[in-house]
C-alpha cells in the first residue's frame, strides 16, 4: 500500500465516519434517561371515561401543537424543533416505557418540551399518561371460530 493510501485510511476515513455515522442515527431516538425510582412509580389514577376526557382537553391545549392531535409527533409546531416530538402511536416505544417514565418526562420536560410539574396537578399528569397510552392501536382479537370445519362423512357401501 502506498503512503498516500495509508494516510487516507488512518486520518481521512475516521474523520468521515465521525461526520457521517451520527447522521445515520434515527432522529428523535436520542436517550432521555429517567431515574430508576421514577421508572418504578406506579400510576395511581384509574383510567375512566371522565379522566380520559379531562386528559384529552389538557393534551389538545398543551401537547397537540407538537405531538399532534393523533399523538404521532406531527403537530403544527413539530418541525420548528431539532428534537422530534415523541410518536405515541409507536407500539414498540410505548411498550418499553413505564407509566412512571412517562409521568417523569411530562413532569420534568426536556428542551424544547416544557416541564408541566407546576402547570398541571399530579393527578392531571397521571391522567395524561393514561391518555397517551390510548394512542397505541390495540390489536384486535382473532374471531372465535366454532372449531375446525368438519369434513362430511363419506359412507362406502
C-alpha atoms as a PDB file:
ATOM      1  CA  UNK A   1       0.000   0.000   0.000  1.00  0.00           C
ATOM      2  CA  UNK A   2       1.446   3.388  -0.898  1.00  0.00           C
ATOM      3  CA  UNK A   3       1.986   6.190   1.630  1.00  0.00           C
ATOM      4  CA  UNK A   4      -0.948   8.309   0.410  1.00  0.00           C
ATOM      5  CA  UNK A   5      -3.410   5.405   0.803  1.00  0.00           C
ATOM      6  CA  UNK A   6      -2.154   4.711   4.342  1.00  0.00           C
ATOM      7  CA  UNK A   7      -2.627   8.360   5.324  1.00  0.00           C
ATOM      8  CA  UNK A   8      -6.114   8.381   3.839  1.00  0.00           C
ATOM      9  CA  UNK A   9      -7.108   5.208   5.702  1.00  0.00           C
ATOM     10  CA  UNK A  10      -5.658   6.354   9.025  1.00  0.00           C
ATOM     11  CA  UNK A  11      -6.692  10.031   9.013  1.00  0.00           C
ATOM     12  CA  UNK A  12      -9.367  10.876   6.471  1.00  0.00           C
ATOM     13  CA  UNK A  13     -11.597   7.785   6.718  1.00  0.00           C
ATOM     14  CA  UNK A  14     -12.072   8.019  10.519  1.00  0.00           C
ATOM     15  CA  UNK A  15     -12.890  11.729  10.140  1.00  0.00           C
ATOM     16  CA  UNK A  16     -15.538  10.942   7.521  1.00  0.00           C
ATOM     17  CA  UNK A  17     -17.047   8.292   9.800  1.00  0.00           C
ATOM     18  CA  UNK A  18     -17.265  10.740  12.714  1.00  0.00           C
ATOM     19  CA  UNK A  19     -19.269  13.076  10.498  1.00  0.00           C
ATOM     20  CA  UNK A  20     -21.491  10.510   8.739  1.00  0.00           C
ATOM     21  CA  UNK A  21     -22.327   7.970  11.457  1.00  0.00           C
ATOM     22  CA  UNK A  22     -24.320  10.362  13.705  1.00  0.00           C
ATOM     23  CA  UNK A  23     -26.333  11.492  10.684  1.00  0.00           C
ATOM     24  CA  UNK A  24     -27.452   7.894  10.096  1.00  0.00           C
ATOM     25  CA  UNK A  25     -28.963   7.566  13.572  1.00  0.00           C
ATOM     26  CA  UNK A  26     -32.762   7.887  13.621  1.00  0.00           C
ATOM     27  CA  UNK A  27     -33.848  11.391  14.546  1.00  0.00           C
ATOM     28  CA  UNK A  28     -35.590  11.661  17.877  1.00  0.00           C
ATOM     29  CA  UNK A  29     -34.037   8.408  19.122  1.00  0.00           C
ATOM     30  CA  UNK A  30     -31.548  10.040  21.459  1.00  0.00           C
ATOM     31  CA  UNK A  31     -31.748   8.740  25.015  1.00  0.00           C
ATOM     32  CA  UNK A  32     -33.739  10.575  27.632  1.00  0.00           C
ATOM     33  CA  UNK A  33     -32.533   8.988  30.856  1.00  0.00           C
ATOM     34  CA  UNK A  34     -35.086   8.594  33.603  1.00  0.00           C
ATOM     35  CA  UNK A  35     -34.108   7.890  37.229  1.00  0.00           C
ATOM     36  CA  UNK A  36     -34.815   4.314  38.356  1.00  0.00           C
ATOM     37  CA  UNK A  37     -37.096   5.464  41.179  1.00  0.00           C
ATOM     38  CA  UNK A  38     -39.229   7.383  38.648  1.00  0.00           C
ATOM     39  CA  UNK A  39     -39.312   4.421  36.253  1.00  0.00           C
ATOM     40  CA  UNK A  40     -40.687   2.210  39.037  1.00  0.00           C
ATOM     41  CA  UNK A  41     -43.534   4.568  40.009  1.00  0.00           C
ATOM     42  CA  UNK A  42     -46.998   3.066  39.645  1.00  0.00           C
ATOM     43  CA  UNK A  43     -49.882   5.043  38.193  1.00  0.00           C
ATOM     44  CA  UNK A  44     -52.405   5.688  40.998  1.00  0.00           C
ATOM     45  CA  UNK A  45     -55.064   7.088  38.629  1.00  0.00           C
ATOM     46  CA  UNK A  46     -57.617   4.683  37.231  1.00  0.00           C
ATOM     47  CA  UNK A  47     -58.377   5.239  33.570  1.00  0.00           C
ATOM     48  CA  UNK A  48     -62.060   6.150  33.273  1.00  0.00           C
ATOM     49  CA  UNK A  49     -64.058   7.858  30.541  1.00  0.00           C
ATOM     50  CA  UNK A  50     -64.188  11.024  32.674  1.00  0.00           C
ATOM     51  CA  UNK A  51     -60.433  11.074  33.416  1.00  0.00           C
ATOM     52  CA  UNK A  52     -59.585  10.390  29.760  1.00  0.00           C
ATOM     53  CA  UNK A  53     -61.893  13.209  28.643  1.00  0.00           C
ATOM     54  CA  UNK A  54     -60.206  15.585  31.109  1.00  0.00           C
ATOM     55  CA  UNK A  55     -56.763  14.480  29.879  1.00  0.00           C
ATOM     56  CA  UNK A  56     -57.814  14.887  26.242  1.00  0.00           C
ATOM     57  CA  UNK A  57     -58.679  18.539  26.894  1.00  0.00           C
ATOM     58  CA  UNK A  58     -55.264  19.079  28.513  1.00  0.00           C
ATOM     59  CA  UNK A  59     -53.490  17.244  25.693  1.00  0.00           C
ATOM     60  CA  UNK A  60     -55.232  19.282  22.989  1.00  0.00           C
ATOM     61  CA  UNK A  61     -54.437  22.511  24.834  1.00  0.00           C
ATOM     62  CA  UNK A  62     -50.841  21.836  25.914  1.00  0.00           C
ATOM     63  CA  UNK A  63     -49.402  18.953  23.874  1.00  0.00           C
ATOM     64  CA  UNK A  64     -51.052  18.613  20.455  1.00  0.00           C
ATOM     65  CA  UNK A  65     -49.199  21.544  18.874  1.00  0.00           C
ATOM     66  CA  UNK A  66     -46.053  19.383  18.955  1.00  0.00           C
ATOM     67  CA  UNK A  67     -47.276  15.801  19.399  1.00  0.00           C
ATOM     68  CA  UNK A  68     -50.254  16.180  17.028  1.00  0.00           C
ATOM     69  CA  UNK A  69     -53.913  15.553  17.765  1.00  0.00           C
ATOM     70  CA  UNK A  70     -53.415  11.874  16.954  1.00  0.00           C
ATOM     71  CA  UNK A  71     -50.221  11.621  19.024  1.00  0.00           C
ATOM     72  CA  UNK A  72     -47.951  10.904  16.041  1.00  0.00           C
ATOM     73  CA  UNK A  73     -45.424  13.671  16.775  1.00  0.00           C
ATOM     74  CA  UNK A  74     -46.661  15.622  13.766  1.00  0.00           C
ATOM     75  CA  UNK A  75     -48.208  18.697  15.368  1.00  0.00           C
ATOM     76  CA  UNK A  76     -48.201  22.103  13.688  1.00  0.00           C
ATOM     77  CA  UNK A  77     -45.110  23.209  15.660  1.00  0.00           C
ATOM     78  CA  UNK A  78     -43.168  19.914  15.485  1.00  0.00           C
ATOM     79  CA  UNK A  79     -41.000  20.985  12.550  1.00  0.00           C
ATOM     80  CA  UNK A  80     -39.779  24.065  14.454  1.00  0.00           C
ATOM     81  CA  UNK A  81     -37.588  21.972  16.742  1.00  0.00           C
ATOM     82  CA  UNK A  82     -34.463  19.911  16.181  1.00  0.00           C
ATOM     83  CA  UNK A  83     -35.770  17.292  18.637  1.00  0.00           C
ATOM     84  CA  UNK A  84     -38.699  15.433  17.102  1.00  0.00           C
ATOM     85  CA  UNK A  85     -41.683  15.059  19.459  1.00  0.00           C
ATOM     86  CA  UNK A  86     -42.496  11.522  20.581  1.00  0.00           C
ATOM     87  CA  UNK A  87     -44.836   9.464  18.439  1.00  0.00           C
ATOM     88  CA  UNK A  88     -47.230   7.936  20.956  1.00  0.00           C
ATOM     89  CA  UNK A  89     -48.634   5.581  18.298  1.00  0.00           C
ATOM     90  CA  UNK A  90     -45.276   3.744  18.182  1.00  0.00           C
ATOM     91  CA  UNK A  91     -46.250   0.493  19.906  1.00  0.00           C
ATOM     92  CA  UNK A  92     -42.639  -0.618  20.391  1.00  0.00           C
ATOM     93  CA  UNK A  93     -41.571   2.632  22.054  1.00  0.00           C
ATOM     94  CA  UNK A  94     -44.659   2.786  24.246  1.00  0.00           C
ATOM     95  CA  UNK A  95     -44.363  -0.854  25.332  1.00  0.00           C
ATOM     96  CA  UNK A  96     -40.810  -0.218  26.537  1.00  0.00           C
ATOM     97  CA  UNK A  97     -41.738   2.861  28.585  1.00  0.00           C
ATOM     98  CA  UNK A  98     -43.278   2.504  32.041  1.00  0.00           C
ATOM     99  CA  UNK A  99     -46.050   4.748  33.313  1.00  0.00           C
ATOM    100  CA  UNK A 100     -43.503   6.172  35.763  1.00  0.00           C
ATOM    101  CA  UNK A 101     -41.186   7.142  32.884  1.00  0.00           C
ATOM    102  CA  UNK A 102     -43.992   8.901  31.028  1.00  0.00           C
ATOM    103  CA  UNK A 103     -45.075  10.706  34.194  1.00  0.00           C
ATOM    104  CA  UNK A 104     -41.493  11.816  34.922  1.00  0.00           C
ATOM    105  CA  UNK A 105     -40.966  13.090  31.365  1.00  0.00           C
ATOM    106  CA  UNK A 106     -44.244  15.030  31.445  1.00  0.00           C
ATOM    107  CA  UNK A 107     -43.338  16.430  34.858  1.00  0.00           C
ATOM    108  CA  UNK A 108     -39.699  17.342  34.196  1.00  0.00           C
ATOM    109  CA  UNK A 109     -39.725  18.143  30.485  1.00  0.00           C
ATOM    110  CA  UNK A 110     -36.634  18.476  28.321  1.00  0.00           C
ATOM    111  CA  UNK A 111     -35.936  21.230  25.836  1.00  0.00           C
ATOM    112  CA  UNK A 112     -37.875  22.069  23.826  1.00  0.00           C
ATOM    113  CA  UNK A 113     -40.644  20.361  25.854  1.00  0.00           C
ATOM    114  CA  UNK A 114     -41.521  22.360  28.965  1.00  0.00           C
ATOM    115  CA  UNK A 115     -41.883  20.942  32.450  1.00  0.00           C
ATOM    116  CA  UNK A 116     -45.529  20.524  33.436  1.00  0.00           C
ATOM    117  CA  UNK A 117     -44.792  19.952  37.142  1.00  0.00           C
ATOM    118  CA  UNK A 118     -46.016  23.411  38.121  1.00  0.00           C
ATOM    119  CA  UNK A 119     -48.643  23.832  35.385  1.00  0.00           C
ATOM    120  CA  UNK A 120     -50.570  20.605  35.989  1.00  0.00           C
ATOM    121  CA  UNK A 121     -51.518  18.750  39.155  1.00  0.00           C
ATOM    122  CA  UNK A 122     -50.055  15.332  39.848  1.00  0.00           C
ATOM    123  CA  UNK A 123     -53.444  13.776  39.038  1.00  0.00           C
ATOM    124  CA  UNK A 124     -53.617  15.603  35.683  1.00  0.00           C
ATOM    125  CA  UNK A 125     -50.137  14.355  34.738  1.00  0.00           C
ATOM    126  CA  UNK A 126     -51.118  10.764  35.567  1.00  0.00           C
ATOM    127  CA  UNK A 127     -54.309  11.236  33.540  1.00  0.00           C
ATOM    128  CA  UNK A 128     -52.124  12.312  30.599  1.00  0.00           C
ATOM    129  CA  UNK A 129     -50.120   9.105  30.989  1.00  0.00           C
ATOM    130  CA  UNK A 130     -53.351   7.108  30.649  1.00  0.00           C
ATOM    131  CA  UNK A 131     -54.445   9.247  27.712  1.00  0.00           C
ATOM    132  CA  UNK A 132     -51.251   8.901  25.645  1.00  0.00           C
ATOM    133  CA  UNK A 133     -51.305   5.130  26.216  1.00  0.00           C
ATOM    134  CA  UNK A 134     -54.549   5.078  24.206  1.00  0.00           C
ATOM    135  CA  UNK A 135     -52.788   6.289  21.043  1.00  0.00           C
ATOM    136  CA  UNK A 136     -51.252   2.846  20.537  1.00  0.00           C
ATOM    137  CA  UNK A 137     -53.629   0.821  18.402  1.00  0.00           C
ATOM    138  CA  UNK A 138     -54.884  -2.178  20.309  1.00  0.00           C
ATOM    139  CA  UNK A 139     -54.602  -5.458  18.416  1.00  0.00           C
ATOM    140  CA  UNK A 140     -57.970  -6.863  17.516  1.00  0.00           C
ATOM    141  CA  UNK A 141     -58.525 -10.291  18.999  1.00  0.00           C
ATOM    142  CA  UNK A 142     -58.921 -13.085  16.471  1.00  0.00           C
ATOM    143  CA  UNK A 143     -62.504 -14.017  15.726  1.00  0.00           C
ATOM    144  CA  UNK A 144     -63.639 -17.036  17.657  1.00  0.00           C
ATOM    145  CA  UNK A 145     -64.447 -19.927  15.430  1.00  0.00           C
ATOM    146  CA  UNK A 146     -66.719 -22.824  16.169  1.00  0.00           C
ATOM    147  CA  UNK A 147     -63.735 -25.108  15.833  1.00  0.00           C
ATOM    148  CA  UNK A 148     -62.253 -26.852  12.842  1.00  0.00           C
ATOM    149  CA  UNK A 149     -64.596 -27.416   9.971  1.00  0.00           C
ATOM    150  CA  UNK A 150     -65.871 -30.935   9.944  1.00  0.00           C
ATOM    151  CA  UNK A 151     -65.481 -32.926   6.805  1.00  0.00           C
ATOM    152  CA  UNK A 152     -68.605 -34.606   5.602  1.00  0.00           C
ATOM    153  CA  UNK A 153     -68.552 -38.326   6.148  1.00  0.00           C
ATOM    154  CA  UNK A 154     -68.440 -40.411   3.100  1.00  0.00           C
ATOM    155  CA  UNK A 155     -70.031 -43.790   3.563  1.00  0.00           C
ATOM    156  CA  UNK A 156     -68.684 -46.596   1.490  1.00  0.00           C
ATOM    157  CA  UNK A 157     -71.090 -49.359   0.649  1.00  0.00           C
END
